[in-house]
Amino acid sequence: MFKTVDEVTYYYQWLTPYHREKATIVCLHGFTGTSNTFANLPWSTDFNYLAIDIIGHGKSSVFVHPENYEMTTVIRHLKELLTSLDIPTYFLLGYSMGGRLALAWGIEDSNVQGILLESASPGLAGKDARQQRCEQDDALAQRILLNLPDFVAYWEELPLFSSQKCLSNEKRTNVRSERLSQQSYGLAMSLYMMGTGRQASYWDKLVADKPILAMTGVFDTKFQHISQQMQEKNPKIQVVQISDAGHCIHLEQPQTFVRVVEHWLKEQL
């Protein structure tokens, strides 16, 4: 299904049958992914799961003005999408880039009942760190524009994704195919306009009185550390480490991931 806001068309899909009396969870994928990354998980029908292709990814608009890729604009568009679907309140579940988006959206939006983060951060706290990351992201964006297959080969060999080498050949092939199916322009604009360096820091806003779950895999030491720092800022943030998983928990340990997510959701309702 599609919804156009301003000049941007967003693709979305219901992963479970929608029932108005049940809580809705909006699922936001990571960089190079699509809404399909959440489609084959063993979700229960206790909740409504709605997955969206973020701008520049999947079936959503790609070739639009770069300003549409700015995080504040993306959030405004997605809020309008939820309003058009007549969903007044919802939880946000975001993985990696989608987690950064979920946190930025959820902290500012009173309609958000809670935020579930999978391997995600509140951005970079220091100006110098953000500038350095912008330079790195810009160089990576240029690499994507020059040769997408070369970038994908580089991306899947990053230490962050090393635990995925233990996945079945079928799963690894599906992940690679999803990455290769993207448009170079969309991925590049996502880095140029809403990469970690250009995102505002949300470290000082973690004190907001809104339930937050931060999930990390035990092999992902970088994001374990980030989640622990988040909890130090706000002890109410619940941090869960999931065994036998790295950065992409829902891919590497789908049953455990769903169990943790749904247990936490039921605690909030």
C-alpha atoms as a PDB file:
ATOM      1  CA  MET A   1       0.000   0.000   0.000  1.00  0.00           C
ATOM      2  CA  PHE A   2       1.155   3.545  -0.712  1.00  0.00           C
ATOM      3  CA  LYS A   3       0.647   6.978   0.794  1.00  0.00           C
ATOM      4  CA  THR A   4       1.916  10.239  -0.720  1.00  0.00           C
ATOM      5  CA  VAL A   5       2.829  13.131   1.557  1.00  0.00           C
ATOM      6  CA  ASP A   6       3.964  16.303  -0.200  1.00  0.00           C
ATOM      7  CA  GLU A   7       6.028  14.897  -3.100  1.00  0.00           C
ATOM      8  CA  VAL A   8       7.098  11.708  -1.357  1.00  0.00           C
ATOM      9  CA  THR A   9       5.308   8.379  -1.719  1.00  0.00           C
ATOM     10  CA  TYR A  10       5.797   5.882   1.104  1.00  0.00           C
ATOM     11  CA  TYR A  11       5.190   2.164   0.828  1.00  0.00           C
ATOM     12  CA  TYR A  12       3.813   0.395   3.899  1.00  0.00           C
ATOM     13  CA  GLN A  13       2.542  -3.075   4.707  1.00  0.00           C
ATOM     14  CA  TRP A  14       0.620  -4.647   7.557  1.00  0.00           C
ATOM     15  CA  LEU A  15       2.549  -7.636   8.877  1.00  0.00           C
ATOM     16  CA  THR A  16      -0.409  -8.834  10.940  1.00  0.00           C
ATOM     17  CA  PRO A  17      -4.156  -8.253  10.427  1.00  0.00           C
ATOM     18  CA  TYR A  18      -5.170  -4.829  11.713  1.00  0.00           C
ATOM     19  CA  HIS A  19      -7.631  -4.623  14.599  1.00  0.00           C
ATOM     20  CA  ARG A  20      -8.483  -1.195  15.940  1.00  0.00           C
ATOM     21  CA  GLU A  21      -8.640  -2.325  19.572  1.00  0.00           C
ATOM     22  CA  LYS A  22      -5.040  -3.614  19.513  1.00  0.00           C
ATOM     23  CA  ALA A  23      -1.865  -1.567  19.943  1.00  0.00           C
ATOM     24  CA  THR A  24       0.023  -0.705  16.756  1.00  0.00           C
ATOM     25  CA  ILE A  25       3.780  -1.081  16.426  1.00  0.00           C
ATOM     26  CA  VAL A  26       5.443   0.846  13.595  1.00  0.00           C
ATOM     27  CA  CYS A  27       8.532  -1.018  12.335  1.00  0.00           C
ATOM     28  CA  LEU A  28      11.405   0.993  10.801  1.00  0.00           C
ATOM     29  CA  HIS A  29      14.189  -0.874   9.013  1.00  0.00           C
ATOM     30  CA  GLY A  30      17.900  -0.121   8.846  1.00  0.00           C
ATOM     31  CA  PHE A  31      20.115   1.429   6.172  1.00  0.00           C
ATOM     32  CA  THR A  32      20.050  -0.626   2.915  1.00  0.00           C
ATOM     33  CA  GLY A  33      16.989  -2.543   4.169  1.00  0.00           C
ATOM     34  CA  THR A  34      13.256  -2.507   3.492  1.00  0.00           C
ATOM     35  CA  SER A  35      10.051  -3.209   5.362  1.00  0.00           C
ATOM     36  CA  ASN A  36      10.372  -6.835   4.245  1.00  0.00           C
ATOM     37  CA  THR A  37      13.133  -7.362   6.802  1.00  0.00           C
ATOM     38  CA  PHE A  38      10.380  -7.602   9.444  1.00  0.00           C
ATOM     39  CA  ALA A  39       7.872  -9.486   7.288  1.00  0.00           C
ATOM     40  CA  ASN A  40       8.762 -13.093   8.071  1.00  0.00           C
ATOM     41  CA  LEU A  41       9.239 -12.847  11.817  1.00  0.00           C
ATOM     42  CA  PRO A  42       7.024 -14.993  14.081  1.00  0.00           C
ATOM     43  CA  TRP A  43       4.836 -12.094  15.236  1.00  0.00           C
ATOM     44  CA  SER A  44       1.781 -12.928  17.309  1.00  0.00           C
ATOM     45  CA  THR A  45      -1.601 -11.422  16.480  1.00  0.00           C
ATOM     46  CA  ASP A  46      -1.715  -9.700  19.867  1.00  0.00           C
ATOM     47  CA  PHE A  47      -0.525  -6.498  18.185  1.00  0.00           C
ATOM     48  CA  ASN A  48      -0.808  -4.671  14.872  1.00  0.00           C
ATOM     49  CA  TYR A  49       2.596  -4.571  13.146  1.00  0.00           C
ATOM     50  CA  LEU A  50       2.998  -1.926  10.463  1.00  0.00           C
ATOM     51  CA  ALA A  51       6.261  -1.809   8.482  1.00  0.00           C
ATOM     52  CA  ILE A  52       7.259   1.157   6.316  1.00  0.00           C
ATOM     53  CA  ASP A  53       9.893   1.598   3.616  1.00  0.00           C
ATOM     54  CA  ILE A  54      11.883   4.672   4.688  1.00  0.00           C
ATOM     55  CA  ILE A  55      12.467   7.239   1.946  1.00  0.00           C
ATOM     56  CA  GLY A  56      15.166   6.183  -0.514  1.00  0.00           C
ATOM     57  CA  HIS A  57      14.611   2.499   0.246  1.00  0.00           C
ATOM     58  CA  GLY A  58      12.464  -0.274  -1.160  1.00  0.00           C
ATOM     59  CA  LYS A  59       9.276   0.861  -2.871  1.00  0.00           C
ATOM     60  CA  SER A  60       9.171   4.345  -1.342  1.00  0.00           C
ATOM     61  CA  SER A  61      10.179   7.437  -3.315  1.00  0.00           C
ATOM     62  CA  VAL A  62      13.822   7.820  -4.243  1.00  0.00           C
ATOM     63  CA  PHE A  63      14.240  10.568  -6.828  1.00  0.00           C
ATOM     64  CA  VAL A  64      12.852  13.535  -4.897  1.00  0.00           C
ATOM     65  CA  HIS A  65      14.443  16.722  -3.567  1.00  0.00           C
ATOM     66  CA  PRO A  66      17.214  15.997  -1.040  1.00  0.00           C
ATOM     67  CA  GLU A  67      15.449  18.119   1.589  1.00  0.00           C
ATOM     68  CA  ASN A  68      12.840  15.347   1.826  1.00  0.00           C
ATOM     69  CA  TYR A  69      15.555  13.102   3.266  1.00  0.00           C
ATOM     70  CA  GLU A  70      16.154  15.331   6.301  1.00  0.00           C
ATOM     71  CA  MET A  71      15.153  13.521   9.466  1.00  0.00           C
ATOM     72  CA  THR A  72      12.727  16.189  10.655  1.00  0.00           C
ATOM     73  CA  THR A  73      10.940  16.055   7.300  1.00  0.00           C
ATOM     74  CA  VAL A  74      10.824  12.255   7.277  1.00  0.00           C
ATOM     75  CA  ILE A  75       9.304  12.286  10.765  1.00  0.00           C
ATOM     76  CA  ARG A  76       6.664  14.805   9.712  1.00  0.00           C
ATOM     77  CA  HIS A  77       5.780  12.688   6.690  1.00  0.00           C
ATOM     78  CA  LEU A  78       5.508   9.479   8.701  1.00  0.00           C
ATOM     79  CA  LYS A  79       3.344  11.152  11.325  1.00  0.00           C
ATOM     80  CA  GLU A  80       1.019  12.259   8.543  1.00  0.00           C
ATOM     81  CA  LEU A  81       0.946   8.711   7.194  1.00  0.00           C
ATOM     82  CA  LEU A  82      -0.169   7.405  10.603  1.00  0.00           C
ATOM     83  CA  THR A  83      -2.794  10.143  10.837  1.00  0.00           C
ATOM     84  CA  SER A  84      -4.143   9.201   7.407  1.00  0.00           C
ATOM     85  CA  LEU A  85      -4.521   5.604   8.625  1.00  0.00           C
ATOM     86  CA  ASP A  86      -6.509   6.861  11.624  1.00  0.00           C
ATOM     87  CA  ILE A  87      -4.051   5.438  14.145  1.00  0.00           C
ATOM     88  CA  PRO A  88      -3.973   7.891  17.058  1.00  0.00           C
ATOM     89  CA  THR A  89      -1.317   6.230  19.228  1.00  0.00           C
ATOM     90  CA  TYR A  90       1.453   3.744  18.483  1.00  0.00           C
ATOM     91  CA  PHE A  91       4.780   2.263  19.520  1.00  0.00           C
ATOM     92  CA  LEU A  92       7.912   2.665  17.398  1.00  0.00           C
ATOM     93  CA  LEU A  93      10.295  -0.225  16.737  1.00  0.00           C
ATOM     94  CA  GLY A  94      13.466   0.748  14.890  1.00  0.00           C
ATOM     95  CA  TYR A  95      16.578  -1.115  13.824  1.00  0.00           C
ATOM     96  CA  SER A  96      19.896   0.773  13.464  1.00  0.00           C
ATOM     97  CA  MET A  97      19.120   3.754  11.183  1.00  0.00           C
ATOM     98  CA  GLY A  98      15.444   3.077  11.799  1.00  0.00           C
ATOM     99  CA  GLY A  99      16.186   3.123  15.517  1.00  0.00           C
ATOM    100  CA  ARG A 100      17.749   6.572  15.296  1.00  0.00           C
ATOM    101  CA  LEU A 101      14.661   7.686  13.419  1.00  0.00           C
ATOM    102  CA  ALA A 102      12.348   6.050  15.974  1.00  0.00           C
ATOM    103  CA  LEU A 103      14.100   7.757  18.881  1.00  0.00           C
ATOM    104  CA  ALA A 104      14.056  11.195  17.262  1.00  0.00           C
ATOM    105  CA  TRP A 105      10.393  10.748  16.359  1.00  0.00           C
ATOM    106  CA  GLY A 106       9.271   9.173  19.611  1.00  0.00           C
ATOM    107  CA  ILE A 107      10.858  11.653  21.996  1.00  0.00           C
ATOM    108  CA  GLU A 108       9.064  14.571  20.330  1.00  0.00           C
ATOM    109  CA  ASP A 109       5.695  12.960  19.535  1.00  0.00           C
ATOM    110  CA  SER A 110       3.100  12.654  22.305  1.00  0.00           C
ATOM    111  CA  ASN A 111       1.227  10.053  20.243  1.00  0.00           C
ATOM    112  CA  VAL A 112       4.111   7.592  20.694  1.00  0.00           C
ATOM    113  CA  GLN A 113       3.445   5.241  23.606  1.00  0.00           C
ATOM    114  CA  GLY A 114       6.933   3.758  23.755  1.00  0.00           C
ATOM    115  CA  ILE A 115      10.138   3.232  21.793  1.00  0.00           C
ATOM    116  CA  LEU A 116      11.853  -0.072  21.046  1.00  0.00           C
ATOM    117  CA  LEU A 117      15.421   0.257  19.806  1.00  0.00           C
ATOM    118  CA  GLU A 118      17.386  -2.520  18.141  1.00  0.00           C
ATOM    119  CA  SER A 119      21.093  -1.712  17.899  1.00  0.00           C
ATOM    120  CA  ALA A 120      20.511   2.027  17.740  1.00  0.00           C
ATOM    121  CA  SER A 121      21.971   5.225  19.165  1.00  0.00           C
ATOM    122  CA  PRO A 122      20.852   8.759  20.092  1.00  0.00           C
ATOM    123  CA  GLY A 123      23.425  10.151  17.642  1.00  0.00           C
ATOM    124  CA  LEU A 124      26.815  11.659  18.430  1.00  0.00           C
ATOM    125  CA  ALA A 125      27.114  14.029  21.362  1.00  0.00           C
ATOM    126  CA  GLY A 126      30.077  16.166  20.263  1.00  0.00           C
ATOM    127  CA  LYS A 127      30.249  18.637  17.374  1.00  0.00           C
ATOM    128  CA  ASP A 128      33.689  17.418  16.284  1.00  0.00           C
ATOM    129  CA  ALA A 129      32.527  13.793  16.285  1.00  0.00           C
ATOM    130  CA  ARG A 130      29.504  14.721  14.177  1.00  0.00           C
ATOM    131  CA  GLN A 131      31.690  16.619  11.695  1.00  0.00           C
ATOM    132  CA  GLN A 132      34.080  13.688  11.365  1.00  0.00           C
ATOM    133  CA  ARG A 133      31.174  11.294  10.835  1.00  0.00           C
ATOM    134  CA  CYS A 134      29.677  13.602   8.184  1.00  0.00           C
ATOM    135  CA  GLU A 135      32.942  13.409   6.246  1.00  0.00           C
ATOM    136  CA  GLN A 136      32.953   9.620   6.533  1.00  0.00           C
ATOM    137  CA  ASP A 137      29.312   9.331   5.463  1.00  0.00           C
ATOM    138  CA  ASP A 138      29.840  11.692   2.528  1.00  0.00           C
ATOM    139  CA  ALA A 139      32.764   9.596   1.297  1.00  0.00           C
ATOM    140  CA  LEU A 140      30.660   6.462   1.642  1.00  0.00           C
ATOM    141  CA  ALA A 141      27.793   8.101  -0.253  1.00  0.00           C
ATOM    142  CA  GLN A 142      30.159   8.916  -3.109  1.00  0.00           C
ATOM    143  CA  ARG A 143      31.281   5.303  -3.173  1.00  0.00           C
ATOM    144  CA  ILE A 144      27.659   4.178  -3.430  1.00  0.00           C
ATOM    145  CA  LEU A 145      27.007   6.548  -6.341  1.00  0.00           C
ATOM    146  CA  LEU A 146      30.065   5.261  -8.188  1.00  0.00           C
ATOM    147  CA  ASN A 147      29.436   1.547  -7.793  1.00  0.00           C
ATOM    148  CA  LEU A 148      26.592   0.041  -5.733  1.00  0.00           C
ATOM    149  CA  PRO A 149      27.733  -3.625  -5.995  1.00  0.00           C
ATOM    150  CA  ASP A 150      31.224  -2.613  -4.858  1.00  0.00           C
ATOM    151  CA  PHE A 151      29.704  -0.815  -1.869  1.00  0.00           C
ATOM    152  CA  VAL A 152      27.511  -3.810  -0.965  1.00  0.00           C
ATOM    153  CA  ALA A 153      30.540  -6.121  -1.053  1.00  0.00           C
ATOM    154  CA  TYR A 154      32.374  -3.711   1.261  1.00  0.00           C
ATOM    155  CA  TRP A 155      29.356  -3.207   3.554  1.00  0.00           C
ATOM    156  CA  GLU A 156      28.697  -6.881   4.211  1.00  0.00           C
ATOM    157  CA  GLU A 157      32.332  -7.401   5.248  1.00  0.00           C
ATOM    158  CA  LEU A 158      32.225  -4.774   8.005  1.00  0.00           C
ATOM    159  CA  PRO A 159      33.084  -6.201  11.464  1.00  0.00           C
ATOM    160  CA  LEU A 160      29.665  -4.940  12.635  1.00  0.00           C
ATOM    161  CA  PHE A 161      28.034  -7.664  10.537  1.00  0.00           C
ATOM    162  CA  SER A 162      30.587 -10.451  11.068  1.00  0.00           C
ATOM    163  CA  SER A 163      28.184 -12.607  13.091  1.00  0.00           C
ATOM    164  CA  GLN A 164      25.902 -12.800  10.048  1.00  0.00           C
ATOM    165  CA  LYS A 165      28.427 -15.110   8.419  1.00  0.00           C
ATOM    166  CA  CYS A 166      26.902 -17.828  10.591  1.00  0.00           C
ATOM    167  CA  LEU A 167      23.509 -17.424   8.921  1.00  0.00           C
ATOM    168  CA  SER A 168      22.284 -19.865   6.332  1.00  0.00           C
ATOM    169  CA  ASN A 169      23.262 -19.255   2.719  1.00  0.00           C
ATOM    170  CA  GLU A 170      19.612 -18.514   1.954  1.00  0.00           C
ATOM    171  CA  LYS A 171      19.392 -15.750   4.557  1.00  0.00           C
ATOM    172  CA  ARG A 172      22.698 -14.224   3.527  1.00  0.00           C
ATOM    173  CA  THR A 173      21.652 -14.272  -0.110  1.00  0.00           C
ATOM    174  CA  ASN A 174      18.356 -12.585   0.749  1.00  0.00           C
ATOM    175  CA  VAL A 175      20.126  -9.829   2.658  1.00  0.00           C
ATOM    176  CA  ARG A 176      22.561  -9.246  -0.206  1.00  0.00           C
ATOM    177  CA  SER A 177      19.725  -9.194  -2.749  1.00  0.00           C
ATOM    178  CA  GLU A 178      17.819  -6.643  -0.666  1.00  0.00           C
ATOM    179  CA  ARG A 179      20.872  -4.377  -0.546  1.00  0.00           C
ATOM    180  CA  LEU A 180      21.544  -4.738  -4.271  1.00  0.00           C
ATOM    181  CA  SER A 181      17.900  -3.963  -5.078  1.00  0.00           C
ATOM    182  CA  GLN A 182      18.259  -0.408  -3.754  1.00  0.00           C
ATOM    183  CA  GLN A 183      18.795   2.733  -5.829  1.00  0.00           C
ATOM    184  CA  SER A 184      22.226   4.331  -5.420  1.00  0.00           C
ATOM    185  CA  TYR A 185      20.698   7.804  -5.195  1.00  0.00           C
ATOM    186  CA  GLY A 186      18.382   6.802  -2.361  1.00  0.00           C
ATOM    187  CA  LEU A 187      21.132   5.275  -0.239  1.00  0.00           C
ATOM    188  CA  ALA A 188      23.474   8.189  -0.905  1.00  0.00           C
ATOM    189  CA  MET A 189      20.864  10.794   0.029  1.00  0.00           C
ATOM    190  CA  SER A 190      20.081   8.873   3.213  1.00  0.00           C
ATOM    191  CA  LEU A 191      23.718   9.269   4.238  1.00  0.00           C
ATOM    192  CA  TYR A 192      24.068  12.852   3.021  1.00  0.00           C
ATOM    193  CA  MET A 193      20.879  14.113   4.694  1.00  0.00           C
ATOM    194  CA  MET A 194      20.106  11.892   7.715  1.00  0.00           C
ATOM    195  CA  GLY A 195      23.283  10.009   8.491  1.00  0.00           C
ATOM    196  CA  THR A 196      24.492   9.775  12.078  1.00  0.00           C
ATOM    197  CA  GLY A 197      26.710  12.852  11.677  1.00  0.00           C
ATOM    198  CA  ARG A 198      23.894  15.106  10.469  1.00  0.00           C
ATOM    199  CA  GLN A 199      21.355  13.886  12.970  1.00  0.00           C
ATOM    200  CA  ALA A 200      20.872  16.081  16.010  1.00  0.00           C
ATOM    201  CA  SER A 201      22.174  14.589  19.241  1.00  0.00           C
ATOM    202  CA  TYR A 202      19.414  13.196  21.464  1.00  0.00           C
ATOM    203  CA  TRP A 203      21.631  12.305  24.406  1.00  0.00           C
ATOM    204  CA  ASP A 204      20.284  15.174  26.497  1.00  0.00           C
ATOM    205  CA  LYS A 205      16.681  14.250  25.672  1.00  0.00           C
ATOM    206  CA  LEU A 206      16.848  10.714  26.998  1.00  0.00           C
ATOM    207  CA  VAL A 207      15.451  11.977  30.283  1.00  0.00           C
ATOM    208  CA  ALA A 208      12.025  12.212  28.622  1.00  0.00           C
ATOM    209  CA  ASP A 209       9.450  10.260  30.626  1.00  0.00           C
ATOM    210  CA  LYS A 210       8.630   7.732  27.930  1.00  0.00           C
ATOM    211  CA  PRO A 211       9.271   3.969  28.105  1.00  0.00           C
ATOM    212  CA  ILE A 212      12.291   2.894  26.064  1.00  0.00           C
ATOM    213  CA  LEU A 213      13.667  -0.594  25.439  1.00  0.00           C
ATOM    214  CA  ALA A 214      17.205  -0.857  24.047  1.00  0.00           C
ATOM    215  CA  MET A 215      18.099  -4.270  22.609  1.00  0.00           C
ATOM    216  CA  THR A 216      21.604  -5.308  21.581  1.00  0.00           C
ATOM    217  CA  GLY A 217      23.274  -8.568  20.565  1.00  0.00           C
ATOM    218  CA  VAL A 218      26.034  -9.921  22.769  1.00  0.00           C
ATOM    219  CA  PHE A 219      28.482  -9.850  19.839  1.00  0.00           C
ATOM    220  CA  ASP A 220      27.783  -6.160  19.154  1.00  0.00           C
ATOM    221  CA  THR A 221      30.033  -4.579  21.786  1.00  0.00           C
ATOM    222  CA  LYS A 222      29.825  -1.101  20.241  1.00  0.00           C
ATOM    223  CA  PHE A 223      26.067  -0.836  20.680  1.00  0.00           C
ATOM    224  CA  GLN A 224      26.140  -2.623  24.021  1.00  0.00           C
ATOM    225  CA  HIS A 225      28.291   0.249  25.258  1.00  0.00           C
ATOM    226  CA  ILE A 226      25.977   2.846  23.708  1.00  0.00           C
ATOM    227  CA  SER A 227      22.920   1.262  25.332  1.00  0.00           C
ATOM    228  CA  GLN A 228      24.645   1.192  28.718  1.00  0.00           C
ATOM    229  CA  GLN A 229      25.491   4.886  28.353  1.00  0.00           C
ATOM    230  CA  MET A 230      21.859   5.587  27.510  1.00  0.00           C
ATOM    231  CA  GLN A 231      20.771   3.782  30.663  1.00  0.00           C
ATOM    232  CA  GLU A 232      23.232   5.853  32.699  1.00  0.00           C
ATOM    233  CA  LYS A 233      21.506   8.969  31.337  1.00  0.00           C
ATOM    234  CA  ASN A 234      18.092   7.552  32.150  1.00  0.00           C
ATOM    235  CA  PRO A 235      17.944   4.528  34.498  1.00  0.00           C
ATOM    236  CA  LYS A 236      14.347   3.906  33.398  1.00  0.00           C
ATOM    237  CA  ILE A 237      15.585   2.761  29.992  1.00  0.00           C
ATOM    238  CA  GLN A 238      15.485  -1.030  29.915  1.00  0.00           C
ATOM    239  CA  VAL A 239      18.527  -2.637  28.304  1.00  0.00           C
ATOM    240  CA  VAL A 240      18.404  -6.241  27.076  1.00  0.00           C
ATOM    241  CA  GLN A 241      21.308  -8.209  25.626  1.00  0.00           C
ATOM    242  CA  ILE A 242      20.352 -11.101  23.371  1.00  0.00           C
ATOM    243  CA  SER A 243      22.533 -14.205  23.164  1.00  0.00           C
ATOM    244  CA  ASP A 244      24.052 -15.524  19.939  1.00  0.00           C
ATOM    245  CA  ALA A 245      23.328 -12.325  18.031  1.00  0.00           C
ATOM    246  CA  GLY A 246      25.224  -9.389  16.625  1.00  0.00           C
ATOM    247  CA  HIS A 247      23.962  -6.115  15.185  1.00  0.00           C
ATOM    248  CA  CYS A 248      20.867  -7.440  13.400  1.00  0.00           C
ATOM    249  CA  ILE A 249      19.102  -9.352  16.157  1.00  0.00           C
ATOM    250  CA  HIS A 250      15.803  -9.858  14.344  1.00  0.00           C
ATOM    251  CA  LEU A 251      17.633 -11.624  11.520  1.00  0.00           C
ATOM    252  CA  GLU A 252      20.007 -13.686  13.641  1.00  0.00           C
ATOM    253  CA  GLN A 253      17.655 -14.648  16.491  1.00  0.00           C
ATOM    254  CA  PRO A 254      14.103 -13.958  15.267  1.00  0.00           C
ATOM    255  CA  GLN A 255      12.222 -16.047  17.844  1.00  0.00           C
ATOM    256  CA  THR A 256      14.068 -14.526  20.784  1.00  0.00           C
ATOM    257  CA  PHE A 257      13.717 -11.059  19.306  1.00  0.00           C
ATOM    258  CA  VAL A 258       9.933 -11.355  18.989  1.00  0.00           C
ATOM    259  CA  ARG A 259       9.632 -12.834  22.460  1.00  0.00           C
ATOM    260  CA  VAL A 260      11.562  -9.934  24.043  1.00  0.00           C
ATOM    261  CA  VAL A 261       9.641  -7.323  22.048  1.00  0.00           C
ATOM    262  CA  GLU A 262       6.204  -8.702  22.869  1.00  0.00           C
ATOM    263  CA  HIS A 263       6.979  -9.315  26.542  1.00  0.00           C
ATOM    264  CA  TRP A 264       8.046  -5.668  26.894  1.00  0.00           C
ATOM    265  CA  LEU A 265       4.995  -4.415  25.012  1.00  0.00           C
ATOM    266  CA  LYS A 266       2.648  -6.342  27.268  1.00  0.00           C
ATOM    267  CA  GLU A 267       4.362  -4.817  30.297  1.00  0.00           C
ATOM    268  CA  GLN A 268       3.569  -1.336  28.960  1.00  0.00           C
ATOM    269  CA  LEU A 269      -0.127  -1.970  28.325  1.00  0.00           C
END
